[in-house]
């Protein structure tokens, strides 16, 4: 994925998004566009809605470009309570995200049950980053919303976030998921398959990978 910084001036975010969308449109080596950086900083909070509107603008110009947006990587105490109410919703309903990274503050979103239902129906997968969420946000065990997503039937995948920061790998993330949340074998298998089903691979590539996994 290519990405922009959510803590840059608006003009830089806009120009960076333009080059990111164009690059993703024309290169098979780039599978999608993301927005990164601490979500609780002043510029990120002030310009959040503007950023989502920018994504929506470019999504209309380049509808084939996939979006995996880090949203809701916030907890109480990091920002004012009002700042937890709309980031995931805007990433999905305004920007048109295909996947959500983190999604930690889902329980604080306005009308969270309705939003969870939308995420199930579309469907919008959530990237679950257990080590990163504990390391950066202090969220783990029952405080993590992974079981809430499962309860509402929202698909999710196990991910590492930035392994260069957390010094983790995918195997350790699956170990944390299994040891902390005790999924059934069926649930675990579904999660593994989700990594392919909700990836940004081409349809034929997905079919091949699913067949290889099925044989294994």
Protein backbone atom coordinates (compact mmCIF):
# COMPACT_ATOMS: atom_id res chain seq x y z
CA UNK A 1 0.00 0.00 0.00
CA UNK A 2 0.99 3.58 -0.52
CA UNK A 3 -0.05 6.12 2.09
CA UNK A 4 -0.28 9.73 3.20
CA UNK A 5 0.41 11.33 6.58
CA UNK A 6 -2.67 12.52 8.45
CA UNK A 7 -0.61 15.14 10.30
CA UNK A 8 0.51 17.08 7.23
CA UNK A 9 -0.97 20.38 5.99
CA UNK A 10 -4.17 19.94 3.92
CA UNK A 11 -2.51 20.88 0.62
CA UNK A 12 0.21 18.27 1.14
CA UNK A 13 -2.33 15.60 2.07
CA UNK A 14 -4.35 16.41 -1.06
CA UNK A 15 -1.35 16.34 -3.41
CA UNK A 16 -0.01 13.17 -1.78
CA UNK A 17 -3.39 11.50 -2.15
CA UNK A 18 -3.46 12.43 -5.84
CA UNK A 19 -0.08 10.82 -6.50
CA UNK A 20 -1.04 7.80 -4.36
CA UNK A 21 -4.28 7.16 -6.25
CA UNK A 22 -2.57 7.61 -9.62
CA UNK A 23 0.23 5.24 -8.62
CA UNK A 24 -2.25 2.63 -7.36
CA UNK A 25 -4.27 2.97 -10.56
CA UNK A 26 -1.30 2.37 -12.84
CA UNK A 27 0.96 -0.03 -10.91
CA UNK A 28 0.19 -3.66 -10.06
CA UNK A 29 2.82 -3.39 -7.32
CA UNK A 30 0.56 -1.03 -5.33
CA UNK A 31 -2.65 -2.64 -4.10
CA UNK A 32 -4.25 0.23 -2.18
CA UNK A 33 -4.04 3.57 -0.40
CA UNK A 34 -3.92 4.19 3.35
CA UNK A 35 -3.58 7.13 5.77
CA UNK A 36 -1.14 6.79 8.65
CA UNK A 37 0.19 8.62 11.68
CA UNK A 38 -1.00 9.26 15.24
CA UNK A 39 -4.75 9.81 15.04
CA UNK A 40 -4.89 11.83 18.27
CA UNK A 41 -2.64 14.70 17.22
CA UNK A 42 -4.08 18.17 16.68
CA UNK A 43 -3.93 18.25 12.88
CA UNK A 44 -5.22 14.69 12.51
CA UNK A 45 -8.23 15.45 14.71
CA UNK A 46 -8.90 18.90 13.24
CA UNK A 47 -8.74 17.73 9.62
CA UNK A 48 -10.19 14.23 9.96
CA UNK A 49 -13.47 14.96 8.15
CA UNK A 50 -11.61 16.94 5.49
CA UNK A 51 -9.27 13.99 4.91
CA UNK A 52 -12.21 11.61 4.47
CA UNK A 53 -13.79 14.03 1.98
CA UNK A 54 -10.51 14.08 0.06
CA UNK A 55 -10.56 10.28 -0.12
CA UNK A 56 -14.15 10.39 -1.34
CA UNK A 57 -13.18 12.89 -4.06
CA UNK A 58 -10.38 10.71 -5.41
CA UNK A 59 -12.41 7.52 -5.00
CA UNK A 60 -14.91 8.95 -7.51
CA UNK A 61 -12.09 9.67 -9.95
CA UNK A 62 -10.40 6.29 -9.41
CA UNK A 63 -13.17 3.88 -8.29
CA UNK A 64 -11.01 0.80 -8.77
CA UNK A 65 -8.44 1.84 -6.15
CA UNK A 66 -8.81 -0.02 -2.85
CA UNK A 67 -8.74 1.80 0.50
CA UNK A 68 -7.51 0.35 3.79
CA UNK A 69 -7.85 3.20 6.27
CA UNK A 70 -6.46 3.27 9.79
CA UNK A 71 -9.41 4.60 11.80
CA UNK A 72 -10.48 4.51 15.42
CA UNK A 73 -6.99 3.96 16.83
CA UNK A 74 -8.07 5.96 19.88
CA UNK A 75 -9.07 5.44 23.50
CA UNK A 76 -10.60 7.61 26.20
CA UNK A 77 -8.05 10.04 27.60
CA UNK A 78 -6.18 10.52 24.33
CA UNK A 79 -8.73 12.96 22.91
CA UNK A 80 -11.99 14.56 24.01
CA UNK A 81 -14.83 12.01 24.23
CA UNK A 82 -16.50 13.63 21.22
CA UNK A 83 -13.45 12.70 19.16
CA UNK A 84 -14.27 8.99 19.46
CA UNK A 85 -17.72 9.17 17.91
CA UNK A 86 -17.25 9.25 14.15
CA UNK A 87 -13.85 8.23 12.78
CA UNK A 88 -14.72 4.67 11.76
CA UNK A 89 -18.12 5.77 10.46
CA UNK A 90 -16.62 8.52 8.28
CA UNK A 91 -13.88 6.23 6.97
CA UNK A 92 -16.59 3.85 5.73
CA UNK A 93 -19.53 6.08 4.80
CA UNK A 94 -17.64 9.14 3.56
CA UNK A 95 -14.27 7.90 2.30
CA UNK A 96 -15.51 4.51 1.11
CA UNK A 97 -12.97 2.32 2.94
CA UNK A 98 -12.76 -1.32 1.90
CA UNK A 99 -10.96 -2.28 5.11
CA UNK A 100 -10.47 -0.63 8.51
CA UNK A 101 -7.19 -0.71 10.39
CA UNK A 102 -7.49 -1.02 14.19
CA UNK A 103 -11.10 0.09 14.80
CA UNK A 104 -10.48 0.17 18.55
CA UNK A 105 -12.96 2.90 19.53
CA UNK A 106 -15.97 1.19 17.88
CA UNK A 107 -17.96 1.08 21.14
CA UNK A 108 -17.78 4.88 21.37
CA UNK A 109 -19.06 5.46 17.84
CA UNK A 110 -22.47 7.10 17.50
CA UNK A 111 -25.04 4.31 17.03
CA UNK A 112 -22.34 1.63 17.14
CA UNK A 113 -24.79 -1.29 16.62
CA UNK A 114 -25.97 0.24 13.34
CA UNK A 115 -22.39 0.80 12.18
CA UNK A 116 -21.42 -2.77 13.09
CA UNK A 117 -24.38 -4.03 11.07
CA UNK A 118 -23.26 -1.97 8.07
CA UNK A 119 -19.73 -3.40 8.40
CA UNK A 120 -21.16 -6.92 8.39
CA UNK A 121 -23.46 -6.34 5.44
CA UNK A 122 -21.04 -4.61 3.04
CA UNK A 123 -18.76 -6.39 4.29
CA UNK A 124 -15.90 -4.25 5.67
CA UNK A 125 -13.07 -6.24 7.24
CA UNK A 126 -11.15 -5.00 10.28
CA UNK A 127 -7.40 -5.47 10.66
CA UNK A 128 -6.80 -6.68 14.24
CA UNK A 129 -3.40 -5.59 15.58
CA UNK A 130 -3.14 -7.07 19.09
CA UNK A 131 0.51 -6.28 19.91
CA UNK A 132 0.32 -2.77 18.47
CA UNK A 133 -2.92 -1.97 20.30
CA UNK A 134 -1.43 -3.07 23.62
CA UNK A 135 1.89 -1.30 22.97
CA UNK A 136 0.49 2.03 21.74
CA UNK A 137 -2.98 2.24 23.32
CA UNK A 138 -2.73 -0.05 26.36
CA UNK A 139 -5.72 -2.07 25.07
CA UNK A 140 -5.68 -5.84 25.53
CA UNK A 141 -7.71 -8.84 26.69
CA UNK A 142 -11.41 -8.05 27.34
CA UNK A 143 -10.90 -4.35 26.59
CA UNK A 144 -10.14 -5.17 22.95
CA UNK A 145 -13.20 -5.12 20.63
CA UNK A 146 -12.23 -8.24 18.62
CA UNK A 147 -14.93 -10.36 20.30
CA UNK A 148 -17.48 -7.60 19.73
CA UNK A 149 -16.71 -7.65 16.02
CA UNK A 150 -17.09 -11.43 16.05
CA UNK A 151 -20.41 -11.19 17.89
CA UNK A 152 -21.82 -8.90 15.20
CA UNK A 153 -20.44 -11.03 12.38
CA UNK A 154 -18.01 -8.35 11.18
CA UNK A 155 -15.14 -10.06 9.32
CA UNK A 156 -11.64 -9.45 10.63
CA UNK A 157 -8.09 -10.46 9.85
CA UNK A 158 -5.10 -10.87 12.14
CA UNK A 159 -2.37 -8.36 11.26
CA UNK A 160 0.89 -6.97 12.65
CA UNK A 161 0.51 -3.21 12.07
CA UNK A 162 4.06 -1.85 11.71
CA UNK A 163 6.30 -4.79 12.56
CA UNK A 164 9.31 -2.45 12.45
CA UNK A 165 7.89 -0.63 15.48
CA UNK A 166 6.34 -3.49 17.43
CA UNK A 167 9.06 -6.07 16.61
CA UNK A 168 6.37 -8.72 16.14
CA UNK A 169 5.39 -11.20 13.45
CA UNK A 170 2.18 -12.79 12.21
CA UNK A 171 2.74 -16.09 14.03
CA UNK A 172 2.98 -14.35 17.40
CA UNK A 173 -0.18 -12.38 16.61
CA UNK A 174 -2.10 -15.59 15.94
CA UNK A 175 -0.72 -17.03 19.18
CA UNK A 176 -2.02 -14.00 21.09
CA UNK A 177 -5.41 -14.29 19.38
CA UNK A 178 -5.76 -17.98 20.22
CA UNK A 179 -4.46 -17.77 23.80
CA UNK A 180 -6.42 -14.67 24.77
CA UNK A 181 -9.76 -15.21 23.05
CA UNK A 182 -10.00 -19.01 22.72
CA UNK A 183 -11.68 -19.11 19.28
CA UNK A 184 -13.08 -22.42 18.13
CA UNK A 185 -11.22 -24.23 15.37
CA UNK A 186 -13.96 -23.16 12.98
CA UNK A 187 -13.55 -19.51 14.00
CA UNK A 188 -9.78 -19.71 13.67
CA UNK A 189 -10.04 -21.26 10.22
CA UNK A 190 -12.52 -18.57 9.16
CA UNK A 191 -10.08 -15.87 10.29
CA UNK A 192 -7.25 -17.42 8.27
CA UNK A 193 -9.44 -17.61 5.16
CA UNK A 194 -10.48 -13.98 5.70
CA UNK A 195 -6.86 -12.94 5.14
CA UNK A 196 -7.29 -14.04 1.53
CA UNK A 197 -10.98 -13.23 1.01
CA UNK A 198 -10.55 -9.63 2.12
CA UNK A 199 -7.11 -9.08 0.67
CA UNK A 200 -6.58 -6.74 -2.26
CA UNK A 201 -5.46 -9.53 -4.58
CA UNK A 202 -7.04 -9.84 -8.01
CA UNK A 203 -9.97 -12.29 -8.24
CA UNK A 204 -7.93 -14.98 -9.97
CA UNK A 205 -5.11 -14.60 -7.45
CA UNK A 206 -7.60 -14.97 -4.61
CA UNK A 207 -9.04 -18.11 -6.18
CA UNK A 208 -5.58 -19.65 -6.54
CA UNK A 209 -4.57 -18.79 -2.97
CA UNK A 210 -7.85 -20.15 -1.54
CA UNK A 211 -7.35 -23.38 -3.47
CA UNK A 212 -3.78 -23.70 -2.19
CA UNK A 213 -4.94 -23.10 1.39
CA UNK A 214 -7.78 -25.62 1.00
CA UNK A 215 -5.31 -28.29 -0.17
CA UNK A 216 -3.01 -27.60 2.79
